[in-house]
Amino acid sequence: MQASVSFVIEIRDLGILTDNKLAMSQHICTVVKKARTTASLIFKCFHSRHRASYLKAFTTYLRPLLEYATPVWSPYIITNITKIESVERSFTKRLLGLSNLPYTKHLEFLGIDSLELLRLCYGLVFVYKMLFGLVDLKFSDYFTLRANSTTRGHDYKLFQTYSRLNVRKHFFCE
């Protein structure tokens, strides 16, 4: 009896939906849809118009959906970045007194960071944890430290490799 290998277009592993080209567009669409549904439920359930309550609900219920495992699926395509940011943009726009302000003023007024900046910070923290052995991943499997750095500063400068394909070029360790 021969075992056949089936061809799979998409697979979900640890909650992350990946297609056969390693594109995360479908995962991002799924996350955005779930976050928009949750946002509408938050506005439907809260009777108060107090900004601090909504902001707490946003950080408690929406941000975990939008930030889960971001070093793995962090988008690099502008349309995907815009989709994710649109959730925070539309949520903050619905808050009392912020509907006529631009998105950057929403973030500044509420004292929060954009989701794109948070994804960058989470990636940097993850690299730090890998470098100093705080996670169970071998740093040398993903990154190479620059051997002879002629610039000033610390000794932890990463060597950037050349990548021709977008899948590899925008991968976490590149």
Protein backbone atom coordinates (compact mmCIF):
# COMPACT_ATOMS: atom_id res chain seq x y z
CA MET A 1 0.00 0.00 0.00
CA GLN A 2 1.44 3.34 -1.02
CA ALA A 3 1.07 6.39 1.13
CA SER A 4 0.32 9.51 -0.80
CA VAL A 5 1.34 13.00 0.16
CA SER A 6 -1.45 15.48 -0.22
CA PHE A 7 -0.89 19.02 -1.46
CA VAL A 8 -2.08 21.62 1.02
CA ILE A 9 -2.73 25.25 0.10
CA GLU A 10 -3.13 26.58 3.67
CA ILE A 11 -2.25 25.25 7.07
CA ARG A 12 -2.91 26.54 10.57
CA ASP A 13 -0.16 25.96 13.10
CA LEU A 14 -0.29 27.45 16.60
CA GLY A 15 -3.07 29.77 15.44
CA ILE A 16 -1.15 31.19 12.48
CA LEU A 17 -2.54 30.58 9.01
CA THR A 18 0.17 30.13 6.39
CA ASP A 19 -0.25 29.38 2.71
CA ASN A 20 2.04 27.38 0.42
CA LYS A 21 3.91 30.54 -0.64
CA LEU A 22 4.56 31.59 2.98
CA ALA A 23 2.33 34.62 2.55
CA MET A 24 0.42 35.73 5.59
CA SER A 25 -2.32 37.69 3.80
CA GLN A 26 -5.07 35.22 4.67
CA HIS A 27 -3.99 35.16 8.32
CA ILE A 28 -4.02 38.95 8.42
CA CYS A 29 -7.51 39.07 6.88
CA THR A 30 -8.75 36.55 9.44
CA VAL A 31 -7.20 38.46 12.36
CA VAL A 32 -8.59 41.79 11.13
CA LYS A 33 -12.08 40.32 10.69
CA LYS A 34 -12.03 38.85 14.20
CA ALA A 35 -10.73 42.12 15.66
CA ARG A 36 -13.39 44.20 13.89
CA THR A 37 -16.10 41.89 15.22
CA THR A 38 -14.69 42.20 18.73
CA ALA A 39 -14.48 46.00 18.39
CA SER A 40 -18.11 46.25 17.36
CA LEU A 41 -19.10 44.04 20.30
CA ILE A 42 -17.16 46.32 22.67
CA PHE A 43 -19.01 49.39 21.39
CA LYS A 44 -22.32 47.53 21.56
CA CYS A 45 -21.82 46.29 25.14
CA PHE A 46 -20.46 49.43 26.81
CA HIS A 47 -23.04 52.05 27.70
CA SER A 48 -20.55 54.55 29.04
CA ARG A 49 -18.72 56.87 26.65
CA HIS A 50 -15.71 57.16 28.96
CA ARG A 51 -12.54 57.01 26.85
CA ALA A 52 -10.44 55.26 29.51
CA SER A 53 -12.91 52.35 29.68
CA TYR A 54 -12.82 51.87 25.93
CA LEU A 55 -9.05 52.14 25.86
CA LYS A 56 -8.79 49.49 28.57
CA ALA A 57 -11.16 47.24 26.61
CA PHE A 58 -9.07 47.81 23.48
CA THR A 59 -5.82 46.82 25.18
CA THR A 60 -7.49 43.86 26.91
CA TYR A 61 -9.54 42.35 24.10
CA LEU A 62 -8.29 43.68 20.76
CA ARG A 63 -4.55 44.08 21.05
CA PRO A 64 -3.92 40.42 21.95
CA LEU A 65 -5.71 39.43 18.73
CA LEU A 66 -3.64 41.84 16.67
CA GLU A 67 -0.30 41.14 18.38
CA TYR A 68 -0.27 37.36 18.83
CA ALA A 69 3.00 35.89 17.46
CA THR A 70 3.85 39.01 15.48
CA PRO A 71 7.54 38.11 14.98
CA VAL A 72 6.28 35.17 12.91
CA TRP A 73 3.71 36.89 10.70
CA SER A 74 4.65 40.57 10.84
CA PRO A 75 3.55 42.07 7.52
CA TYR A 76 5.81 43.88 5.10
CA ILE A 77 3.29 44.57 2.35
CA ILE A 78 1.74 48.04 2.69
CA THR A 79 -1.84 46.82 2.14
CA ASN A 80 -1.52 44.28 4.96
CA ILE A 81 -0.01 46.87 7.29
CA THR A 82 -2.85 49.24 6.44
CA LYS A 83 -5.45 46.54 7.13
CA ILE A 84 -4.08 45.91 10.61
CA GLU A 85 -3.71 49.61 11.41
CA SER A 86 -7.27 50.24 10.19
CA VAL A 87 -8.63 48.33 13.18
CA GLU A 88 -6.92 50.67 15.65
CA ARG A 89 -7.71 53.69 13.45
CA SER A 90 -11.44 52.94 13.30
CA PHE A 91 -11.63 52.06 17.00
CA THR A 92 -9.97 55.29 18.14
CA LYS A 93 -12.04 57.31 15.67
CA ARG A 94 -15.24 56.12 17.35
CA LEU A 95 -14.13 57.42 20.74
CA LEU A 96 -15.81 60.56 22.02
CA GLY A 97 -14.22 63.75 20.69
CA LEU A 98 -11.70 62.07 18.36
CA SER A 99 -13.72 61.62 15.17
CA ASN A 100 -12.43 64.77 13.45
CA LEU A 101 -8.74 64.34 14.33
CA PRO A 102 -6.17 62.49 12.21
CA TYR A 103 -4.98 59.04 13.29
CA THR A 104 -1.61 60.26 14.60
CA LYS A 105 -3.39 62.76 16.84
CA HIS A 106 -5.63 59.95 18.15
CA LEU A 107 -2.56 57.99 19.22
CA GLU A 108 -0.87 61.05 20.69
CA PHE A 109 -4.00 62.12 22.60
CA LEU A 110 -4.63 58.63 24.00
CA GLY A 111 -0.94 58.04 24.78
CA ILE A 112 -0.68 54.78 22.84
CA ASP A 113 1.62 53.57 20.08
CA SER A 114 0.68 52.40 16.61
CA LEU A 115 0.46 48.67 16.03
CA GLU A 116 3.27 48.87 13.48
CA LEU A 117 5.63 50.37 16.07
CA LEU A 118 4.59 47.73 18.61
CA ARG A 119 5.34 44.93 16.12
CA LEU A 120 8.81 46.39 15.59
CA CYS A 121 9.39 46.55 19.36
CA TYR A 122 8.21 42.96 19.84
CA GLY A 123 10.59 41.81 17.11
CA LEU A 124 13.51 43.61 18.73
CA VAL A 125 12.68 42.18 22.14
CA PHE A 126 12.53 38.70 20.65
CA VAL A 127 15.96 39.13 19.04
CA TYR A 128 17.31 40.31 22.41
CA LYS A 129 15.85 37.24 24.11
CA MET A 130 17.41 34.98 21.49
CA LEU A 131 20.80 36.69 21.77
CA PHE A 132 21.04 36.30 25.52
CA GLY A 133 19.50 32.83 25.74
CA LEU A 134 16.19 33.80 27.32
CA VAL A 135 14.22 31.66 24.83
CA ASP A 136 14.92 28.11 23.73
CA LEU A 137 16.18 29.03 20.25
CA LYS A 138 19.75 28.99 19.04
CA PHE A 139 20.75 32.51 17.99
CA SER A 140 23.33 31.29 15.48
CA ASP A 141 20.64 29.41 13.53
CA TYR A 142 18.93 32.69 12.68
CA PHE A 143 21.45 35.51 12.89
CA THR A 144 25.16 36.13 12.40
CA LEU A 145 26.99 38.69 14.46
CA ARG A 146 29.29 40.99 12.50
CA ALA A 147 32.85 39.91 13.29
CA ASN A 148 34.96 42.98 12.62
CA SER A 149 32.95 46.08 13.24
CA THR A 150 34.88 49.30 12.72
CA THR A 151 32.12 51.46 14.14
CA ARG A 152 31.79 52.48 17.72
CA GLY A 153 29.22 51.08 20.11
CA HIS A 154 28.40 47.59 21.27
CA ASP A 155 29.61 44.26 19.92
CA TYR A 156 26.14 42.98 19.01
CA LYS A 157 25.83 44.24 15.46
CA LEU A 158 24.04 41.83 13.13
CA PHE A 159 25.36 40.84 9.72
CA GLN A 160 22.79 41.49 6.99
CA THR A 161 22.73 38.85 4.28
CA TYR A 162 21.72 39.43 0.67
CA SER A 163 18.33 38.05 -0.30
CA ARG A 164 16.86 38.09 -3.76
CA LEU A 165 13.38 36.70 -3.02
CA ASN A 166 10.80 38.75 -1.12
CA VAL A 167 9.84 35.75 1.02
CA ARG A 168 13.40 35.51 2.30
CA LYS A 169 14.15 39.26 2.23
CA HIS A 170 11.32 40.11 4.62
CA PHE A 171 11.73 37.06 6.84
CA PHE A 172 12.18 37.71 10.57
CA CYS A 173 15.92 36.99 10.72
CA GLU A 174 16.70 39.16 7.70
